[in-house]
């Protein structure tokens, strides 16, 4: 709950595919990435603006065409990162 509103997290497109593939794997690297993602999910539920904001001028055109007006980045383990938007 953030500012009296329920926070829901959705994975779409390549993010969902990558997450499901990592969940299938049993190696140490995949488990590390999944664990850091699960930890970040809980943080985002309490504070959706936790990540580093990306300047509007740096948001890729293909994402802007999809209507994305804000973009945030969070570093995960093993040089992975999350890019997310708030709707």
PDB file of N, CA and C in Angstrom:
ATOM      1  N   UNK A   1       0.853  -1.169   0.000  1.00  0.00           N
ATOM      2  CA  UNK A   1       0.000   0.000   0.000  1.00  0.00           C
ATOM      3  C   UNK A   1       0.899   1.231   0.000  1.00  0.00           C
ATOM      4  N   UNK A   2       0.687   2.097  -0.951  1.00  0.00           N
ATOM      5  CA  UNK A   2       1.476   3.313  -1.068  1.00  0.00           C
ATOM      6  C   UNK A   2       0.530   4.492  -1.198  1.00  0.00           C
ATOM      7  N   UNK A   3       0.643   5.403  -0.268  1.00  0.00           N
ATOM      8  CA  UNK A   3      -0.210   6.591  -0.238  1.00  0.00           C
ATOM      9  C   UNK A   3      -1.696   6.215  -0.321  1.00  0.00           C
ATOM     10  N   UNK A   4      -2.069   5.145   0.365  1.00  0.00           N
ATOM     11  CA  UNK A   4      -3.452   4.709   0.418  1.00  0.00           C
ATOM     12  C   UNK A   4      -3.929   3.944  -0.802  1.00  0.00           C
ATOM     13  N   UNK A   5      -3.019   3.632  -1.718  1.00  0.00           N
ATOM     14  CA  UNK A   5      -3.398   2.918  -2.932  1.00  0.00           C
ATOM     15  C   UNK A   5      -2.706   1.565  -2.989  1.00  0.00           C
ATOM     16  N   UNK A   6      -3.430   0.592  -3.511  1.00  0.00           N
ATOM     17  CA  UNK A   6      -2.859  -0.731  -3.699  1.00  0.00           C
ATOM     18  C   UNK A   6      -1.853  -0.697  -4.852  1.00  0.00           C
ATOM     19  N   UNK A   7      -0.717  -1.329  -4.660  1.00  0.00           N
ATOM     20  CA  UNK A   7       0.315  -1.401  -5.695  1.00  0.00           C
ATOM     21  C   UNK A   7       0.340  -2.821  -6.235  1.00  0.00           C
ATOM     22  N   UNK A   8       0.177  -2.936  -7.548  1.00  0.00           N
ATOM     23  CA  UNK A   8       0.245  -4.238  -8.217  1.00  0.00           C
ATOM     24  C   UNK A   8       1.385  -4.211  -9.214  1.00  0.00           C
ATOM     25  N   UNK A   9       2.066  -5.319  -9.333  1.00  0.00           N
ATOM     26  CA  UNK A   9       3.216  -5.424 -10.236  1.00  0.00           C
ATOM     27  C   UNK A   9       2.880  -6.423 -11.335  1.00  0.00           C
ATOM     28  N   UNK A  10       3.022  -5.979 -12.582  1.00  0.00           N
ATOM     29  CA  UNK A  10       2.757  -6.825 -13.737  1.00  0.00           C
ATOM     30  C   UNK A  10       4.030  -6.955 -14.558  1.00  0.00           C
ATOM     31  N   UNK A  11       4.271  -8.147 -15.071  1.00  0.00           N
ATOM     32  CA  UNK A  11       5.369  -8.369 -16.014  1.00  0.00           C
ATOM     33  C   UNK A  11       4.752  -8.557 -17.387  1.00  0.00           C
ATOM     34  N   UNK A  12       5.314  -7.865 -18.384  1.00  0.00           N
ATOM     35  CA  UNK A  12       4.790  -7.951 -19.738  1.00  0.00           C
ATOM     36  C   UNK A  12       5.912  -8.277 -20.715  1.00  0.00           C
ATOM     37  N   UNK A  13       5.551  -8.879 -21.817  1.00  0.00           N
ATOM     38  CA  UNK A  13       6.478  -9.113 -22.926  1.00  0.00           C
ATOM     39  C   UNK A  13       7.738  -9.859 -22.548  1.00  0.00           C
ATOM     40  N   UNK A  14       8.879  -9.278 -22.907  1.00  0.00           N
ATOM     41  CA  UNK A  14      10.180  -9.915 -22.685  1.00  0.00           C
ATOM     42  C   UNK A  14      10.480 -10.089 -21.202  1.00  0.00           C
ATOM     43  N   UNK A  15       9.977  -9.187 -20.372  1.00  0.00           N
ATOM     44  CA  UNK A  15      10.224  -9.295 -18.931  1.00  0.00           C
ATOM     45  C   UNK A  15       9.566 -10.556 -18.383  1.00  0.00           C
ATOM     46  N   UNK A  16       8.347 -10.804 -18.801  1.00  0.00           N
ATOM     47  CA  UNK A  16       7.629 -11.996 -18.344  1.00  0.00           C
ATOM     48  C   UNK A  16       8.321 -13.268 -18.831  1.00  0.00           C
ATOM     49  N   UNK A  17       8.738 -13.257 -20.092  1.00  0.00           N
ATOM     50  CA  UNK A  17       9.431 -14.414 -20.661  1.00  0.00           C
ATOM     51  C   UNK A  17      10.737 -14.695 -19.914  1.00  0.00           C
ATOM     52  N   UNK A  18      11.525 -13.644 -19.680  1.00  0.00           N
ATOM     53  CA  UNK A  18      12.801 -13.811 -18.979  1.00  0.00           C
ATOM     54  C   UNK A  18      12.583 -14.320 -17.560  1.00  0.00           C
ATOM     55  N   UNK A  19      11.573 -13.782 -16.878  1.00  0.00           N
ATOM     56  CA  UNK A  19      11.276 -14.214 -15.508  1.00  0.00           C
ATOM     57  C   UNK A  19      10.913 -15.697 -15.482  1.00  0.00           C
ATOM     58  N   UNK A  20      10.050 -16.123 -16.387  1.00  0.00           N
ATOM     59  CA  UNK A  20       9.632 -17.531 -16.420  1.00  0.00           C
ATOM     60  C   UNK A  20      10.802 -18.453 -16.761  1.00  0.00           C
ATOM     61  N   UNK A  21      11.672 -18.018 -17.660  1.00  0.00           N
ATOM     62  CA  UNK A  21      12.859 -18.820 -17.995  1.00  0.00           C
ATOM     63  C   UNK A  21      13.801 -18.934 -16.798  1.00  0.00           C
ATOM     64  N   UNK A  22      13.996 -17.844 -16.076  1.00  0.00           N
ATOM     65  CA  UNK A  22      14.861 -17.873 -14.887  1.00  0.00           C
ATOM     66  C   UNK A  22      14.272 -18.788 -13.809  1.00  0.00           C
ATOM     67  N   UNK A  23      12.945 -18.774 -13.668  1.00  0.00           N
ATOM     68  CA  UNK A  23      12.298 -19.625 -12.662  1.00  0.00           C
ATOM     69  C   UNK A  23      12.503 -21.111 -12.966  1.00  0.00           C
ATOM     70  N   UNK A  24      12.606 -21.453 -14.253  1.00  0.00           N
ATOM     71  CA  UNK A  24      12.809 -22.852 -14.664  1.00  0.00           C
ATOM     72  C   UNK A  24      14.223 -23.337 -14.354  1.00  0.00           C
ATOM     73  N   UNK A  25      15.185 -22.406 -14.438  1.00  0.00           N
ATOM     74  CA  UNK A  25      16.581 -22.785 -14.239  1.00  0.00           C
ATOM     75  C   UNK A  25      16.863 -23.071 -12.766  1.00  0.00           C
ATOM     76  N   UNK A  26      17.830 -23.940 -12.538  1.00  0.00           N
ATOM     77  CA  UNK A  26      18.183 -24.347 -11.174  1.00  0.00           C
ATOM     78  C   UNK A  26      19.591 -23.915 -10.771  1.00  0.00           C
ATOM     79  N   UNK A  27      20.278 -23.170 -11.647  1.00  0.00           N
ATOM     80  CA  UNK A  27      21.650 -22.780 -11.340  1.00  0.00           C
ATOM     81  C   UNK A  27      21.688 -21.615 -10.339  1.00  0.00           C
ATOM     82  N   UNK A  28      22.857 -21.409  -9.773  1.00  0.00           N
ATOM     83  CA  UNK A  28      23.047 -20.404  -8.729  1.00  0.00           C
ATOM     84  C   UNK A  28      22.773 -18.985  -9.244  1.00  0.00           C
ATOM     85  N   UNK A  29      23.201 -18.687 -10.470  1.00  0.00           N
ATOM     86  CA  UNK A  29      23.005 -17.354 -11.039  1.00  0.00           C
ATOM     87  C   UNK A  29      21.519 -17.017 -11.167  1.00  0.00           C
ATOM     88  N   UNK A  30      20.746 -17.941 -11.704  1.00  0.00           N
ATOM     89  CA  UNK A  30      19.304 -17.711 -11.874  1.00  0.00           C
ATOM     90  C   UNK A  30      18.623 -17.511 -10.525  1.00  0.00           C
ATOM     91  N   UNK A  31      18.980 -18.324  -9.553  1.00  0.00           N
ATOM     92  CA  UNK A  31      18.386 -18.185  -8.219  1.00  0.00           C
ATOM     93  C   UNK A  31      18.724 -16.839  -7.602  1.00  0.00           C
ATOM     94  N   UNK A  32      19.942 -16.374  -7.818  1.00  0.00           N
ATOM     95  CA  UNK A  32      20.365 -15.081  -7.288  1.00  0.00           C
ATOM     96  C   UNK A  32      19.544 -13.944  -7.900  1.00  0.00           C
ATOM     97  N   UNK A  33      19.328 -13.999  -9.212  1.00  0.00           N
ATOM     98  CA  UNK A  33      18.563 -12.962  -9.902  1.00  0.00           C
ATOM     99  C   UNK A  33      17.109 -12.991  -9.443  1.00  0.00           C
ATOM    100  N   UNK A  34      16.528 -14.168  -9.360  1.00  0.00           N
ATOM    101  CA  UNK A  34      15.127 -14.296  -8.911  1.00  0.00           C
ATOM    102  C   UNK A  34      14.980 -13.787  -7.478  1.00  0.00           C
ATOM    103  N   UNK A  35      15.914 -14.139  -6.605  1.00  0.00           N
ATOM    104  CA  UNK A  35      15.843 -13.669  -5.218  1.00  0.00           C
ATOM    105  C   UNK A  35      15.932 -12.148  -5.133  1.00  0.00           C
ATOM    106  N   UNK A  36      16.819 -11.550  -5.916  1.00  0.00           N
ATOM    107  CA  UNK A  36      16.924 -10.089  -5.864  1.00  0.00           C
ATOM    108  C   UNK A  36      15.671  -9.446  -6.450  1.00  0.00           C
ATOM    109  N   UNK A  37      15.077 -10.051  -7.476  1.00  0.00           N
ATOM    110  CA  UNK A  37      13.832  -9.524  -8.041  1.00  0.00           C
ATOM    111  C   UNK A  37      12.691  -9.611  -7.029  1.00  0.00           C
ATOM    112  N   UNK A  38      12.568 -10.732  -6.349  1.00  0.00           N
ATOM    113  CA  UNK A  38      11.502 -10.887  -5.353  1.00  0.00           C
ATOM    114  C   UNK A  38      11.667  -9.873  -4.221  1.00  0.00           C
ATOM    115  N   UNK A  39      12.896  -9.605  -3.827  1.00  0.00           N
ATOM    116  CA  UNK A  39      13.160  -8.616  -2.780  1.00  0.00           C
ATOM    117  C   UNK A  39      12.747  -7.220  -3.256  1.00  0.00           C
ATOM    118  N   UNK A  40      13.091  -6.889  -4.492  1.00  0.00           N
ATOM    119  CA  UNK A  40      12.746  -5.580  -5.050  1.00  0.00           C
ATOM    120  C   UNK A  40      11.233  -5.431  -5.213  1.00  0.00           C
ATOM    121  N   UNK A  41      10.551  -6.499  -5.559  1.00  0.00           N
ATOM    122  CA  UNK A  41       9.084  -6.430  -5.686  1.00  0.00           C
ATOM    123  C   UNK A  41       8.447  -5.955  -4.383  1.00  0.00           C
ATOM    124  N   UNK A  42       8.923  -6.477  -3.269  1.00  0.00           N
ATOM    125  CA  UNK A  42       8.371  -6.073  -1.969  1.00  0.00           C
ATOM    126  C   UNK A  42       8.688  -4.610  -1.667  1.00  0.00           C
ATOM    127  N   UNK A  43       9.872  -4.168  -2.020  1.00  0.00           N
ATOM    128  CA  UNK A  43      10.246  -2.762  -1.823  1.00  0.00           C
ATOM    129  C   UNK A  43       9.351  -1.861  -2.669  1.00  0.00           C
ATOM    130  N   UNK A  44       9.108  -2.262  -3.934  1.00  0.00           N
ATOM    131  CA  UNK A  44       8.280  -1.450  -4.829  1.00  0.00           C
ATOM    132  C   UNK A  44       6.830  -1.359  -4.363  1.00  0.00           C
ATOM    133  N   UNK A  45       6.348  -2.375  -3.685  1.00  0.00           N
ATOM    134  CA  UNK A  45       4.979  -2.326  -3.163  1.00  0.00           C
ATOM    135  C   UNK A  45       4.845  -1.253  -2.095  1.00  0.00           C
ATOM    136  N   UNK A  46       5.919  -1.007  -1.358  1.00  0.00           N
ATOM    137  CA  UNK A  46       5.904   0.039  -0.331  1.00  0.00           C
ATOM    138  C   UNK A  46       6.263   1.406  -0.895  1.00  0.00           C
ATOM    139  N   UNK A  47       7.088   1.436  -1.938  1.00  0.00           N
ATOM    140  CA  UNK A  47       7.525   2.705  -2.521  1.00  0.00           C
ATOM    141  C   UNK A  47       7.789   2.517  -4.015  1.00  0.00           C
ATOM    142  N   UNK A  48       6.787   2.733  -4.863  1.00  0.00           N
ATOM    143  CA  UNK A  48       6.961   2.523  -6.309  1.00  0.00           C
ATOM    144  C   UNK A  48       8.015   3.419  -6.952  1.00  0.00           C
ATOM    145  N   UNK A  49       8.371   4.506  -6.325  1.00  0.00           N
ATOM    146  CA  UNK A  49       9.371   5.403  -6.886  1.00  0.00           C
ATOM    147  C   UNK A  49      10.772   5.127  -6.345  1.00  0.00           C
ATOM    148  N   UNK A  50      11.004   3.928  -5.870  1.00  0.00           N
ATOM    149  CA  UNK A  50      12.281   3.533  -5.282  1.00  0.00           C
ATOM    150  C   UNK A  50      13.435   3.607  -6.286  1.00  0.00           C
ATOM    151  N   UNK A  51      13.189   3.258  -7.544  1.00  0.00           N
ATOM    152  CA  UNK A  51      14.252   3.189  -8.547  1.00  0.00           C
ATOM    153  C   UNK A  51      14.790   4.537  -8.963  1.00  0.00           C
ATOM    154  N   UNK A  52      15.844   4.496  -9.761  1.00  0.00           N
ATOM    155  CA  UNK A  52      16.452   5.706 -10.311  1.00  0.00           C
ATOM    156  C   UNK A  52      15.619   6.176 -11.498  1.00  0.00           C
ATOM    157  N   UNK A  53      15.093   7.407 -11.454  1.00  0.00           N
ATOM    158  CA  UNK A  53      14.305   7.890 -12.592  1.00  0.00           C
ATOM    159  C   UNK A  53      15.186   8.135 -13.809  1.00  0.00           C
ATOM    160  N   UNK A  54      14.647   7.817 -14.979  1.00  0.00           N
ATOM    161  CA  UNK A  54      15.345   8.049 -16.241  1.00  0.00           C
ATOM    162  C   UNK A  54      14.748   9.307 -16.870  1.00  0.00           C
ATOM    163  N   UNK A  55      15.609  10.213 -17.311  1.00  0.00           N
ATOM    164  CA  UNK A  55      15.142  11.460 -17.921  1.00  0.00           C
ATOM    165  C   UNK A  55      14.199  11.154 -19.086  1.00  0.00           C
ATOM    166  N   UNK A  56      13.156  11.943 -19.193  1.00  0.00           N
ATOM    167  CA  UNK A  56      12.177  11.743 -20.268  1.00  0.00           C
ATOM    168  C   UNK A  56      12.828  11.750 -21.645  1.00  0.00           C
ATOM    169  N   UNK A  57      13.841  12.581 -21.829  1.00  0.00           N
ATOM    170  CA  UNK A  57      14.507  12.662 -23.130  1.00  0.00           C
ATOM    171  C   UNK A  57      15.299  11.388 -23.450  1.00  0.00           C
ATOM    172  N   UNK A  58      15.580  10.559 -22.431  1.00  0.00           N
ATOM    173  CA  UNK A  58      16.349   9.326 -22.640  1.00  0.00           C
ATOM    174  C   UNK A  58      15.464   8.085 -22.781  1.00  0.00           C
ATOM    175  N   UNK A  59      14.150   8.251 -22.623  1.00  0.00           N
ATOM    176  CA  UNK A  59      13.236   7.117 -22.790  1.00  0.00           C
ATOM    177  C   UNK A  59      13.192   6.780 -24.283  1.00  0.00           C
ATOM    178  N   UNK A  60      13.448   5.523 -24.646  1.00  0.00           N
ATOM    179  CA  UNK A  60      13.454   5.141 -26.069  1.00  0.00           C
ATOM    180  C   UNK A  60      12.129   5.466 -26.761  1.00  0.00           C
ATOM    181  N   UNK A  61      12.214   5.839 -28.029  1.00  0.00           N
ATOM    182  CA  UNK A  61      11.034   6.231 -28.800  1.00  0.00           C
ATOM    183  C   UNK A  61       9.993   5.123 -28.867  1.00  0.00           C
ATOM    184  N   UNK A  62      10.456   3.867 -28.993  1.00  0.00           N
ATOM    185  CA  UNK A  62       9.490   2.769 -29.086  1.00  0.00           C
ATOM    186  C   UNK A  62       8.684   2.615 -27.794  1.00  0.00           C
ATOM    187  N   UNK A  63       9.279   2.957 -26.663  1.00  0.00           N
ATOM    188  CA  UNK A  63       8.528   2.915 -25.401  1.00  0.00           C
ATOM    189  C   UNK A  63       7.579   4.109 -25.297  1.00  0.00           C
ATOM    190  N   UNK A  64       8.016   5.260 -25.776  1.00  0.00           N
ATOM    191  CA  UNK A  64       7.136   6.436 -25.757  1.00  0.00           C
ATOM    192  C   UNK A  64       5.922   6.225 -26.648  1.00  0.00           C
ATOM    193  N   UNK A  65       6.110   5.508 -27.763  1.00  0.00           N
ATOM    194  CA  UNK A  65       4.979   5.197 -28.647  1.00  0.00           C
ATOM    195  C   UNK A  65       3.946   4.327 -27.947  1.00  0.00           C
ATOM    196  N   UNK A  66       4.386   3.557 -26.966  1.00  0.00           N
ATOM    197  CA  UNK A  66       3.467   2.712 -26.190  1.00  0.00           C
ATOM    198  C   UNK A  66       2.773   3.494 -25.085  1.00  0.00           C
ATOM    199  N   UNK A  67       3.096   4.767 -24.960  1.00  0.00           N
ATOM    200  CA  UNK A  67       2.451   5.611 -23.966  1.00  0.00           C
ATOM    201  C   UNK A  67       3.197   5.705 -22.645  1.00  0.00           C
ATOM    202  N   UNK A  68       4.414   5.190 -22.605  1.00  0.00           N
ATOM    203  CA  UNK A  68       5.194   5.250 -21.374  1.00  0.00           C
ATOM    204  C   UNK A  68       5.767   6.653 -21.213  1.00  0.00           C
ATOM    205  N   UNK A  69       5.389   7.300 -20.113  1.00  0.00           N
ATOM    206  CA  UNK A  69       5.828   8.669 -19.880  1.00  0.00           C
ATOM    207  C   UNK A  69       6.834   8.781 -18.746  1.00  0.00           C
ATOM    208  N   UNK A  70       6.971   7.716 -17.957  1.00  0.00           N
ATOM    209  CA  UNK A  70       7.968   7.711 -16.883  1.00  0.00           C
ATOM    210  C   UNK A  70       8.647   6.350 -16.868  1.00  0.00           C
ATOM    211  N   UNK A  71       9.921   6.346 -16.553  1.00  0.00           N
ATOM    212  CA  UNK A  71      10.684   5.108 -16.564  1.00  0.00           C
ATOM    213  C   UNK A  71      11.684   5.146 -15.418  1.00  0.00           C
ATOM    214  N   UNK A  72      11.801   4.022 -14.725  1.00  0.00           N
ATOM    215  CA  UNK A  72      12.718   3.896 -13.590  1.00  0.00           C
ATOM    216  C   UNK A  72      13.609   2.683 -13.806  1.00  0.00           C
ATOM    217  N   UNK A  73      14.780   2.705 -13.165  1.00  0.00           N
ATOM    218  CA  UNK A  73      15.748   1.603 -13.275  1.00  0.00           C
ATOM    219  C   UNK A  73      16.182   1.168 -11.885  1.00  0.00           C
ATOM    220  N   UNK A  74      16.289  -0.148 -11.696  1.00  0.00           N
ATOM    221  CA  UNK A  74      16.832  -0.720 -10.466  1.00  0.00           C
ATOM    222  C   UNK A  74      17.820  -1.812 -10.860  1.00  0.00           C
ATOM    223  N   UNK A  75      18.980  -1.773 -10.254  1.00  0.00           N
ATOM    224  CA  UNK A  75      19.993  -2.796 -10.504  1.00  0.00           C
ATOM    225  C   UNK A  75      19.672  -4.066  -9.706  1.00  0.00           C
ATOM    226  N   UNK A  76      19.813  -5.213 -10.356  1.00  0.00           N
ATOM    227  CA  UNK A  76      19.669  -6.518  -9.710  1.00  0.00           C
ATOM    228  C   UNK A  76      21.042  -7.176  -9.630  1.00  0.00           C
ATOM    229  N   UNK A  77      21.071  -8.368  -9.107  1.00  0.00           N
ATOM    230  CA  UNK A  77      22.340  -9.097  -9.035  1.00  0.00           C
ATOM    231  C   UNK A  77      22.781  -9.551 -10.428  1.00  0.00           C
ATOM    232  N   UNK A  78      24.042  -9.881 -10.551  1.00  0.00           N
ATOM    233  CA  UNK A  78      24.639 -10.413 -11.784  1.00  0.00           C
ATOM    234  C   UNK A  78      24.453  -9.495 -12.988  1.00  0.00           C
ATOM    235  N   UNK A  79      24.503  -8.191 -12.756  1.00  0.00           N
ATOM    236  CA  UNK A  79      24.434  -7.174 -13.804  1.00  0.00           C
ATOM    237  C   UNK A  79      23.088  -7.127 -14.532  1.00  0.00           C
ATOM    238  N   UNK A  80      22.052  -7.680 -13.954  1.00  0.00           N
ATOM    239  CA  UNK A  80      20.707  -7.546 -14.499  1.00  0.00           C
ATOM    240  C   UNK A  80      20.110  -6.267 -13.945  1.00  0.00           C
ATOM    241  N   UNK A  81      19.080  -5.767 -14.619  1.00  0.00           N
ATOM    242  CA  UNK A  81      18.393  -4.571 -14.124  1.00  0.00           C
ATOM    243  C   UNK A  81      16.915  -4.656 -14.481  1.00  0.00           C
ATOM    244  N   UNK A  82      16.143  -3.893 -13.737  1.00  0.00           N
ATOM    245  CA  UNK A  82      14.706  -3.779 -13.992  1.00  0.00           C
ATOM    246  C   UNK A  82      14.463  -2.379 -14.544  1.00  0.00           C
ATOM    247  N   UNK A  83      13.717  -2.313 -15.624  1.00  0.00           N
ATOM    248  CA  UNK A  83      13.188  -1.047 -16.115  1.00  0.00           C
ATOM    249  C   UNK A  83      11.681  -1.132 -15.917  1.00  0.00           C
ATOM    250  N   UNK A  84      11.123  -0.133 -15.256  1.00  0.00           N
ATOM    251  CA  UNK A  84       9.686  -0.200 -14.997  1.00  0.00           C
ATOM    252  C   UNK A  84       9.052   1.173 -15.096  1.00  0.00           C
ATOM    253  N   UNK A  85       7.746   1.160 -15.269  1.00  0.00           N
ATOM    254  CA  UNK A  85       6.967   2.385 -15.351  1.00  0.00           C
ATOM    255  C   UNK A  85       5.842   2.328 -14.322  1.00  0.00           C
ATOM    256  N   UNK A  86       5.334   3.489 -13.974  1.00  0.00           N
ATOM    257  CA  UNK A  86       4.222   3.570 -13.026  1.00  0.00           C
ATOM    258  C   UNK A  86       3.006   4.071 -13.789  1.00  0.00           C
ATOM    259  N   UNK A  87       1.920   3.322 -13.682  1.00  0.00           N
ATOM    260  CA  UNK A  87       0.670   3.712 -14.345  1.00  0.00           C
ATOM    261  C   UNK A  87      -0.361   4.075 -13.309  1.00  0.00           C
TER     262      UNK A  87
END
